[in-house]
């Protein structure tokens, strides 16, 4: 998983905020400064951002991502209306 994606999902950081932190040398993976915006995370990597008091160990999720609800696809046939107030 990309570091940027992980920080956006887990901590709600914006892309610009993440880029700014990396430019300032404030993001560390395994106690090494991150210099690449597309840094890949491996299971067991320790991510720390001292200015935001973030220190976490990344663990890959196995199997399907259960955080998302199931997706239902529907092919609407001709003449089928979803609205209760459609005059046509």
PDB file of N, CA and C in Angstrom:
ATOM      1  N   UNK A   1       0.850  -1.173   0.000  1.00  0.00           N
ATOM      2  CA  UNK A   1       0.000   0.000   0.000  1.00  0.00           C
ATOM      3  C   UNK A   1       0.896   1.236   0.000  1.00  0.00           C
ATOM      4  N   UNK A   2       0.442   2.261  -0.686  1.00  0.00           N
ATOM      5  CA  UNK A   2       1.189   3.513  -0.699  1.00  0.00           C
ATOM      6  C   UNK A   2       1.071   4.218   0.648  1.00  0.00           C
ATOM      7  N   UNK A   3       2.150   4.827   1.072  1.00  0.00           N
ATOM      8  CA  UNK A   3       2.159   5.583   2.330  1.00  0.00           C
ATOM      9  C   UNK A   3       1.083   6.655   2.310  1.00  0.00           C
ATOM     10  N   UNK A   4       0.992   7.368   1.178  1.00  0.00           N
ATOM     11  CA  UNK A   4       0.023   8.454   1.048  1.00  0.00           C
ATOM     12  C   UNK A   4      -1.401   7.943   1.272  1.00  0.00           C
ATOM     13  N   UNK A   5      -1.749   6.818   0.670  1.00  0.00           N
ATOM     14  CA  UNK A   5      -3.093   6.248   0.818  1.00  0.00           C
ATOM     15  C   UNK A   5      -3.365   5.843   2.262  1.00  0.00           C
ATOM     16  N   UNK A   6      -2.375   5.232   2.888  1.00  0.00           N
ATOM     17  CA  UNK A   6      -2.520   4.802   4.279  1.00  0.00           C
ATOM     18  C   UNK A   6      -2.789   5.996   5.199  1.00  0.00           C
ATOM     19  N   UNK A   7      -2.015   7.073   5.035  1.00  0.00           N
ATOM     20  CA  UNK A   7      -2.189   8.245   5.890  1.00  0.00           C
ATOM     21  C   UNK A   7      -3.527   8.939   5.636  1.00  0.00           C
ATOM     22  N   UNK A   8      -3.985   8.931   4.395  1.00  0.00           N
ATOM     23  CA  UNK A   8      -5.274   9.540   4.088  1.00  0.00           C
ATOM     24  C   UNK A   8      -6.411   8.754   4.731  1.00  0.00           C
ATOM     25  N   UNK A   9      -6.364   7.435   4.611  1.00  0.00           N
ATOM     26  CA  UNK A   9      -7.448   6.604   5.127  1.00  0.00           C
ATOM     27  C   UNK A   9      -7.431   6.527   6.655  1.00  0.00           C
ATOM     28  N   UNK A  10      -6.278   6.250   7.231  1.00  0.00           N
ATOM     29  CA  UNK A  10      -6.205   6.006   8.677  1.00  0.00           C
ATOM     30  C   UNK A  10      -6.243   7.278   9.530  1.00  0.00           C
ATOM     31  N   UNK A  11      -5.699   8.378   9.019  1.00  0.00           N
ATOM     32  CA  UNK A  11      -5.588   9.579   9.843  1.00  0.00           C
ATOM     33  C   UNK A  11      -6.304  10.791   9.260  1.00  0.00           C
ATOM     34  N   UNK A  12      -6.905  10.654   8.083  1.00  0.00           N
ATOM     35  CA  UNK A  12      -7.660  11.749   7.490  1.00  0.00           C
ATOM     36  C   UNK A  12      -6.807  12.918   7.027  1.00  0.00           C
ATOM     37  N   UNK A  13      -5.536  12.652   6.742  1.00  0.00           N
ATOM     38  CA  UNK A  13      -4.659  13.723   6.275  1.00  0.00           C
ATOM     39  C   UNK A  13      -4.916  13.994   4.800  1.00  0.00           C
ATOM     40  N   UNK A  14      -4.827  15.251   4.402  1.00  0.00           N
ATOM     41  CA  UNK A  14      -5.019  15.593   2.995  1.00  0.00           C
ATOM     42  C   UNK A  14      -3.735  15.309   2.216  1.00  0.00           C
ATOM     43  N   UNK A  15      -3.886  15.171   0.913  1.00  0.00           N
ATOM     44  CA  UNK A  15      -2.729  14.918   0.046  1.00  0.00           C
ATOM     45  C   UNK A  15      -1.720  16.048   0.172  1.00  0.00           C
ATOM     46  N   UNK A  16      -2.190  17.280   0.177  1.00  0.00           N
ATOM     47  CA  UNK A  16      -1.279  18.431   0.298  1.00  0.00           C
ATOM     48  C   UNK A  16      -0.552  18.444   1.640  1.00  0.00           C
ATOM     49  N   UNK A  17      -1.245  18.082   2.678  1.00  0.00           N
ATOM     50  CA  UNK A  17      -0.626  18.035   4.005  1.00  0.00           C
ATOM     51  C   UNK A  17       0.464  16.965   4.043  1.00  0.00           C
ATOM     52  N   UNK A  18       0.205  15.819   3.431  1.00  0.00           N
ATOM     53  CA  UNK A  18       1.193  14.740   3.391  1.00  0.00           C
ATOM     54  C   UNK A  18       2.416  15.165   2.592  1.00  0.00           C
ATOM     55  N   UNK A  19       2.206  15.791   1.434  1.00  0.00           N
ATOM     56  CA  UNK A  19       3.315  16.260   0.603  1.00  0.00           C
ATOM     57  C   UNK A  19       4.146  17.289   1.353  1.00  0.00           C
ATOM     58  N   UNK A  20       3.489  18.197   2.050  1.00  0.00           N
ATOM     59  CA  UNK A  20       4.195  19.208   2.829  1.00  0.00           C
ATOM     60  C   UNK A  20       5.048  18.571   3.932  1.00  0.00           C
ATOM     61  N   UNK A  21       4.491  17.590   4.623  1.00  0.00           N
ATOM     62  CA  UNK A  21       5.239  16.906   5.677  1.00  0.00           C
ATOM     63  C   UNK A  21       6.460  16.178   5.114  1.00  0.00           C
ATOM     64  N   UNK A  22       6.301  15.541   3.945  1.00  0.00           N
ATOM     65  CA  UNK A  22       7.427  14.830   3.320  1.00  0.00           C
ATOM     66  C   UNK A  22       8.498  15.822   2.872  1.00  0.00           C
ATOM     67  N   UNK A  23       8.078  16.955   2.292  1.00  0.00           N
ATOM     68  CA  UNK A  23       9.034  17.983   1.857  1.00  0.00           C
ATOM     69  C   UNK A  23       9.848  18.530   3.032  1.00  0.00           C
ATOM     70  N   UNK A  24       9.228  18.637   4.184  1.00  0.00           N
ATOM     71  CA  UNK A  24       9.902  19.162   5.376  1.00  0.00           C
ATOM     72  C   UNK A  24      10.745  18.098   6.080  1.00  0.00           C
ATOM     73  N   UNK A  25      10.690  16.871   5.611  1.00  0.00           N
ATOM     74  CA  UNK A  25      11.454  15.786   6.237  1.00  0.00           C
ATOM     75  C   UNK A  25      10.848  15.320   7.536  1.00  0.00           C
ATOM     76  N   UNK A  26       9.518  15.418   7.645  1.00  0.00           N
ATOM     77  CA  UNK A  26       8.852  15.078   8.899  1.00  0.00           C
ATOM     78  C   UNK A  26       8.155  13.738   8.924  1.00  0.00           C
ATOM     79  N   UNK A  27       8.369  12.897   7.890  1.00  0.00           N
ATOM     80  CA  UNK A  27       7.736  11.579   7.851  1.00  0.00           C
ATOM     81  C   UNK A  27       8.835  10.524   7.823  1.00  0.00           C
ATOM     82  N   UNK A  28       8.696   9.513   8.697  1.00  0.00           N
ATOM     83  CA  UNK A  28       9.714   8.476   8.813  1.00  0.00           C
ATOM     84  C   UNK A  28       9.096   7.092   8.654  1.00  0.00           C
ATOM     85  N   UNK A  29       9.787   6.229   7.909  1.00  0.00           N
ATOM     86  CA  UNK A  29       9.431   4.816   7.836  1.00  0.00           C
ATOM     87  C   UNK A  29      10.648   4.059   8.345  1.00  0.00           C
ATOM     88  N   UNK A  30      10.445   3.285   9.396  1.00  0.00           N
ATOM     89  CA  UNK A  30      11.531   2.534  10.044  1.00  0.00           C
ATOM     90  C   UNK A  30      12.703   3.445  10.397  1.00  0.00           C
ATOM     91  N   UNK A  31      12.394   4.608  10.934  1.00  0.00           N
ATOM     92  CA  UNK A  31      13.353   5.606  11.418  1.00  0.00           C
ATOM     93  C   UNK A  31      14.225   6.196  10.311  1.00  0.00           C
ATOM     94  N   UNK A  32      13.772   6.095   9.054  1.00  0.00           N
ATOM     95  CA  UNK A  32      14.463   6.721   7.930  1.00  0.00           C
ATOM     96  C   UNK A  32      13.539   7.756   7.315  1.00  0.00           C
ATOM     97  N   UNK A  33      14.089   8.923   6.961  1.00  0.00           N
ATOM     98  CA  UNK A  33      13.286   9.990   6.385  1.00  0.00           C
ATOM     99  C   UNK A  33      12.726   9.557   5.035  1.00  0.00           C
ATOM    100  N   UNK A  34      11.439   9.815   4.834  1.00  0.00           N
ATOM    101  CA  UNK A  34      10.781   9.504   3.560  1.00  0.00           C
ATOM    102  C   UNK A  34      11.056  10.652   2.594  1.00  0.00           C
ATOM    103  N   UNK A  35      11.579  10.317   1.420  1.00  0.00           N
ATOM    104  CA  UNK A  35      11.878  11.336   0.406  1.00  0.00           C
ATOM    105  C   UNK A  35      11.036  11.134  -0.845  1.00  0.00           C
ATOM    106  N   UNK A  36      10.353  10.004  -0.948  1.00  0.00           N
ATOM    107  CA  UNK A  36       9.592   9.666  -2.135  1.00  0.00           C
ATOM    108  C   UNK A  36       8.097   9.725  -1.820  1.00  0.00           C
ATOM    109  N   UNK A  37       7.349  10.447  -2.645  1.00  0.00           N
ATOM    110  CA  UNK A  37       5.910  10.559  -2.427  1.00  0.00           C
ATOM    111  C   UNK A  37       5.188   9.237  -2.641  1.00  0.00           C
ATOM    112  N   UNK A  38       5.804   8.350  -3.402  1.00  0.00           N
ATOM    113  CA  UNK A  38       5.164   7.066  -3.709  1.00  0.00           C
ATOM    114  C   UNK A  38       5.791   5.923  -2.922  1.00  0.00           C
ATOM    115  N   UNK A  39       6.154   6.184  -1.690  1.00  0.00           N
ATOM    116  CA  UNK A  39       6.764   5.159  -0.841  1.00  0.00           C
ATOM    117  C   UNK A  39       5.760   4.038  -0.595  1.00  0.00           C
ATOM    118  N   UNK A  40       6.222   2.810  -0.766  1.00  0.00           N
ATOM    119  CA  UNK A  40       5.396   1.624  -0.539  1.00  0.00           C
ATOM    120  C   UNK A  40       5.606   1.123   0.887  1.00  0.00           C
ATOM    121  N   UNK A  41       4.527   0.689   1.511  1.00  0.00           N
ATOM    122  CA  UNK A  41       4.604   0.135   2.854  1.00  0.00           C
ATOM    123  C   UNK A  41       4.581  -1.383   2.790  1.00  0.00           C
ATOM    124  N   UNK A  42       5.341  -1.995   3.660  1.00  0.00           N
ATOM    125  CA  UNK A  42       5.335  -3.448   3.823  1.00  0.00           C
ATOM    126  C   UNK A  42       4.837  -3.753   5.224  1.00  0.00           C
ATOM    127  N   UNK A  43       4.288  -4.928   5.395  1.00  0.00           N
ATOM    128  CA  UNK A  43       3.787  -5.312   6.701  1.00  0.00           C
ATOM    129  C   UNK A  43       4.914  -5.248   7.733  1.00  0.00           C
ATOM    130  N   UNK A  44       4.656  -4.591   8.845  1.00  0.00           N
ATOM    131  CA  UNK A  44       5.643  -4.456   9.911  1.00  0.00           C
ATOM    132  C   UNK A  44       6.404  -3.139   9.888  1.00  0.00           C
ATOM    133  N   UNK A  45       6.216  -2.319   8.836  1.00  0.00           N
ATOM    134  CA  UNK A  45       6.885  -1.015   8.781  1.00  0.00           C
ATOM    135  C   UNK A  45       6.354  -0.099   9.874  1.00  0.00           C
ATOM    136  N   UNK A  46       7.279   0.626  10.508  1.00  0.00           N
ATOM    137  CA  UNK A  46       6.898   1.577  11.541  1.00  0.00           C
ATOM    138  C   UNK A  46       6.858   2.966  10.927  1.00  0.00           C
ATOM    139  N   UNK A  47       5.690   3.612  10.948  1.00  0.00           N
ATOM    140  CA  UNK A  47       5.516   4.947  10.396  1.00  0.00           C
ATOM    141  C   UNK A  47       5.428   5.917  11.558  1.00  0.00           C
ATOM    142  N   UNK A  48       6.183   7.011  11.458  1.00  0.00           N
ATOM    143  CA  UNK A  48       6.094   8.025  12.504  1.00  0.00           C
ATOM    144  C   UNK A  48       6.146   9.418  11.897  1.00  0.00           C
ATOM    145  N   UNK A  49       5.310  10.287  12.470  1.00  0.00           N
ATOM    146  CA  UNK A  49       5.278  11.698  12.119  1.00  0.00           C
ATOM    147  C   UNK A  49       5.298  12.451  13.445  1.00  0.00           C
ATOM    148  N   UNK A  50       6.486  12.821  13.917  1.00  0.00           N
ATOM    149  CA  UNK A  50       6.601  13.440  15.240  1.00  0.00           C
ATOM    150  C   UNK A  50       5.781  14.721  15.412  1.00  0.00           C
ATOM    151  N   UNK A  51       5.687  15.547  14.378  1.00  0.00           N
ATOM    152  CA  UNK A  51       4.971  16.818  14.517  1.00  0.00           C
ATOM    153  C   UNK A  51       3.472  16.611  14.772  1.00  0.00           C
ATOM    154  N   UNK A  52       2.926  15.479  14.336  1.00  0.00           N
ATOM    155  CA  UNK A  52       1.511  15.172  14.561  1.00  0.00           C
ATOM    156  C   UNK A  52       1.323  14.123  15.649  1.00  0.00           C
ATOM    157  N   UNK A  53       2.427  13.720  16.276  1.00  0.00           N
ATOM    158  CA  UNK A  53       2.413  12.699  17.329  1.00  0.00           C
ATOM    159  C   UNK A  53       1.781  11.390  16.837  1.00  0.00           C
ATOM    160  N   UNK A  54       2.171  11.001  15.615  1.00  0.00           N
ATOM    161  CA  UNK A  54       1.701   9.753  15.033  1.00  0.00           C
ATOM    162  C   UNK A  54       2.849   8.763  15.029  1.00  0.00           C
ATOM    163  N   UNK A  55       2.616   7.583  15.585  1.00  0.00           N
ATOM    164  CA  UNK A  55       3.572   6.490  15.550  1.00  0.00           C
ATOM    165  C   UNK A  55       2.766   5.201  15.483  1.00  0.00           C
ATOM    166  N   UNK A  56       2.877   4.500  14.355  1.00  0.00           N
ATOM    167  CA  UNK A  56       2.048   3.326  14.144  1.00  0.00           C
ATOM    168  C   UNK A  56       2.833   2.288  13.351  1.00  0.00           C
ATOM    169  N   UNK A  57       2.511   1.017  13.566  1.00  0.00           N
ATOM    170  CA  UNK A  57       3.107  -0.072  12.800  1.00  0.00           C
ATOM    171  C   UNK A  57       2.073  -0.517  11.769  1.00  0.00           C
ATOM    172  N   UNK A  58       2.477  -0.537  10.505  1.00  0.00           N
ATOM    173  CA  UNK A  58       1.570  -0.909   9.423  1.00  0.00           C
ATOM    174  C   UNK A  58       1.409  -2.420   9.366  1.00  0.00           C
ATOM    175  N   UNK A  59       0.166  -2.876   9.308  1.00  0.00           N
ATOM    176  CA  UNK A  59      -0.144  -4.295   9.163  1.00  0.00           C
ATOM    177  C   UNK A  59      -1.067  -4.442   7.976  1.00  0.00           C
ATOM    178  N   UNK A  60      -0.679  -5.303   7.026  1.00  0.00           N
ATOM    179  CA  UNK A  60      -1.509  -5.532   5.849  1.00  0.00           C
ATOM    180  C   UNK A  60      -2.775  -6.273   6.242  1.00  0.00           C
ATOM    181  N   UNK A  61      -3.871  -5.877   5.624  1.00  0.00           N
ATOM    182  CA  UNK A  61      -5.131  -6.584   5.840  1.00  0.00           C
ATOM    183  C   UNK A  61      -5.179  -7.750   4.874  1.00  0.00           C
ATOM    184  N   UNK A  62      -5.503  -8.906   5.380  1.00  0.00           N
ATOM    185  CA  UNK A  62      -5.576 -10.111   4.562  1.00  0.00           C
ATOM    186  C   UNK A  62      -7.005 -10.317   4.075  1.00  0.00           C
ATOM    187  N   UNK A  63      -7.151 -10.826   2.860  1.00  0.00           N
ATOM    188  CA  UNK A  63      -8.470 -11.149   2.323  1.00  0.00           C
ATOM    189  C   UNK A  63      -9.211  -9.912   1.853  1.00  0.00           C
ATOM    190  N   UNK A  64     -10.522 -10.046   1.763  1.00  0.00           N
ATOM    191  CA  UNK A  64     -11.367  -8.957   1.271  1.00  0.00           C
ATOM    192  C   UNK A  64     -11.427  -7.833   2.294  1.00  0.00           C
ATOM    193  N   UNK A  65     -11.561  -6.630   1.784  1.00  0.00           N
ATOM    194  CA  UNK A  65     -11.697  -5.470   2.655  1.00  0.00           C
ATOM    195  C   UNK A  65     -13.145  -5.401   3.129  1.00  0.00           C
ATOM    196  N   UNK A  66     -13.370  -5.683   4.391  1.00  0.00           N
ATOM    197  CA  UNK A  66     -14.716  -5.734   4.929  1.00  0.00           C
ATOM    198  C   UNK A  66     -15.209  -4.379   5.421  1.00  0.00           C
ATOM    199  N   UNK A  67     -14.405  -3.325   5.217  1.00  0.00           N
ATOM    200  CA  UNK A  67     -14.810  -1.993   5.640  1.00  0.00           C
ATOM    201  C   UNK A  67     -15.876  -1.408   4.721  1.00  0.00           C
ATOM    202  N   UNK A  68     -15.987  -1.920   3.514  1.00  0.00           N
ATOM    203  CA  UNK A  68     -16.918  -1.377   2.545  1.00  0.00           C
ATOM    204  C   UNK A  68     -18.162  -2.252   2.476  1.00  0.00           C
ATOM    205  N   UNK A  69     -19.347  -1.626   2.324  1.00  0.00           N
ATOM    206  CA  UNK A  69     -20.560  -2.434   2.183  1.00  0.00           C
ATOM    207  C   UNK A  69     -20.565  -3.133   0.827  1.00  0.00           C
ATOM    208  N   UNK A  70     -21.330  -4.210   0.699  1.00  0.00           N
ATOM    209  CA  UNK A  70     -21.392  -4.894  -0.601  1.00  0.00           C
ATOM    210  C   UNK A  70     -21.995  -3.972  -1.652  1.00  0.00           C
ATOM    211  N   UNK A  71     -21.565  -4.143  -2.877  1.00  0.00           N
ATOM    212  CA  UNK A  71     -22.027  -3.320  -3.977  1.00  0.00           C
ATOM    213  C   UNK A  71     -23.080  -4.085  -4.761  1.00  0.00           C
ATOM    214  N   UNK A  72     -24.222  -3.452  -4.997  1.00  0.00           N
ATOM    215  CA  UNK A  72     -25.295  -4.062  -5.757  1.00  0.00           C
ATOM    216  C   UNK A  72     -25.414  -3.333  -7.084  1.00  0.00           C
ATOM    217  N   UNK A  73     -25.300  -4.077  -8.187  1.00  0.00           N
ATOM    218  CA  UNK A  73     -25.446  -3.505  -9.516  1.00  0.00           C
ATOM    219  C   UNK A  73     -26.817  -3.872 -10.052  1.00  0.00           C
ATOM    220  N   UNK A  74     -27.456  -2.916 -10.714  1.00  0.00           N
ATOM    221  CA  UNK A  74     -28.789  -3.153 -11.237  1.00  0.00           C
ATOM    222  C   UNK A  74     -28.866  -2.602 -12.647  1.00  0.00           C
ATOM    223  N   UNK A  75     -29.267  -3.428 -13.597  1.00  0.00           N
ATOM    224  CA  UNK A  75     -29.459  -3.004 -14.972  1.00  0.00           C
ATOM    225  C   UNK A  75     -30.914  -2.597 -15.129  1.00  0.00           C
ATOM    226  N   UNK A  76     -31.158  -1.301 -15.198  1.00  0.00           N
ATOM    227  CA  UNK A  76     -32.520  -0.781 -15.251  1.00  0.00           C
ATOM    228  C   UNK A  76     -33.119  -1.018 -16.640  1.00  0.00           C
ATOM    229  N   UNK A  77     -34.189  -1.812 -16.738  1.00  0.00           N
ATOM    230  CA  UNK A  77     -34.804  -2.036 -18.045  1.00  0.00           C
ATOM    231  C   UNK A  77     -35.584  -0.810 -18.530  1.00  0.00           C
ATOM    232  N   UNK A  78     -35.865  -0.752 -19.845  1.00  0.00           N
ATOM    233  CA  UNK A  78     -36.634   0.350 -20.422  1.00  0.00           C
ATOM    234  C   UNK A  78     -37.988   0.450 -19.719  1.00  0.00           C
ATOM    235  N   UNK A  79     -38.372   1.670 -19.387  1.00  0.00           N
ATOM    236  CA  UNK A  79     -39.672   1.896 -18.776  1.00  0.00           C
ATOM    237  C   UNK A  79     -39.687   1.759 -17.263  1.00  0.00           C
ATOM    238  N   UNK A  80     -38.599   1.340 -16.667  1.00  0.00           N
ATOM    239  CA  UNK A  80     -38.516   1.177 -15.212  1.00  0.00           C
ATOM    240  C   UNK A  80     -38.169   2.526 -14.596  1.00  0.00           C
ATOM    241  N   UNK A  81     -38.947   2.967 -13.598  1.00  0.00           N
ATOM    242  CA  UNK A  81     -38.751   4.268 -12.977  1.00  0.00           C
ATOM    243  C   UNK A  81     -38.396   4.092 -11.503  1.00  0.00           C
ATOM    244  N   UNK A  82     -37.401   4.849 -11.070  1.00  0.00           N
ATOM    245  CA  UNK A  82     -36.996   4.817  -9.659  1.00  0.00           C
ATOM    246  C   UNK A  82     -37.729   5.856  -8.833  1.00  0.00           C
ATOM    247  N   UNK A  83     -38.343   6.826  -9.464  1.00  0.00           N
ATOM    248  CA  UNK A  83     -38.991   7.926  -8.770  1.00  0.00           C
ATOM    249  C   UNK A  83     -40.475   7.617  -8.559  1.00  0.00           C
ATOM    250  N   UNK A  84     -41.017   8.057  -7.445  1.00  0.00           N
ATOM    251  CA  UNK A  84     -42.443   7.891  -7.201  1.00  0.00           C
ATOM    252  C   UNK A  84     -43.238   9.085  -7.724  1.00  0.00           C
ATOM    253  N   UNK A  85     -42.534  10.166  -8.095  1.00  0.00           N
ATOM    254  CA  UNK A  85     -43.222  11.376  -8.550  1.00  0.00           C
ATOM    255  C   UNK A  85     -42.909  11.711 -10.009  1.00  0.00           C
ATOM    256  N   UNK A  86     -42.486  10.749 -10.817  1.00  0.00           N
ATOM    257  CA  UNK A  86     -42.159  11.000 -12.218  1.00  0.00           C
ATOM    258  C   UNK A  86     -43.439  10.964 -13.054  1.00  0.00           C
ATOM    259  N   UNK A  87     -43.819  12.080 -13.719  1.00  0.00           N
ATOM    260  CA  UNK A  87     -45.055  12.093 -14.503  1.00  0.00           C
ATOM    261  C   UNK A  87     -44.935  11.287 -15.798  1.00  0.00           C
ATOM    262  N   UNK A  88     -43.761  10.919 -16.212  1.00  0.00           N
ATOM    263  CA  UNK A  88     -43.589  10.193 -17.474  1.00  0.00           C
ATOM    264  C   UNK A  88     -43.526   8.723 -17.189  1.00  0.00           C
TER     265      UNK A  88
END
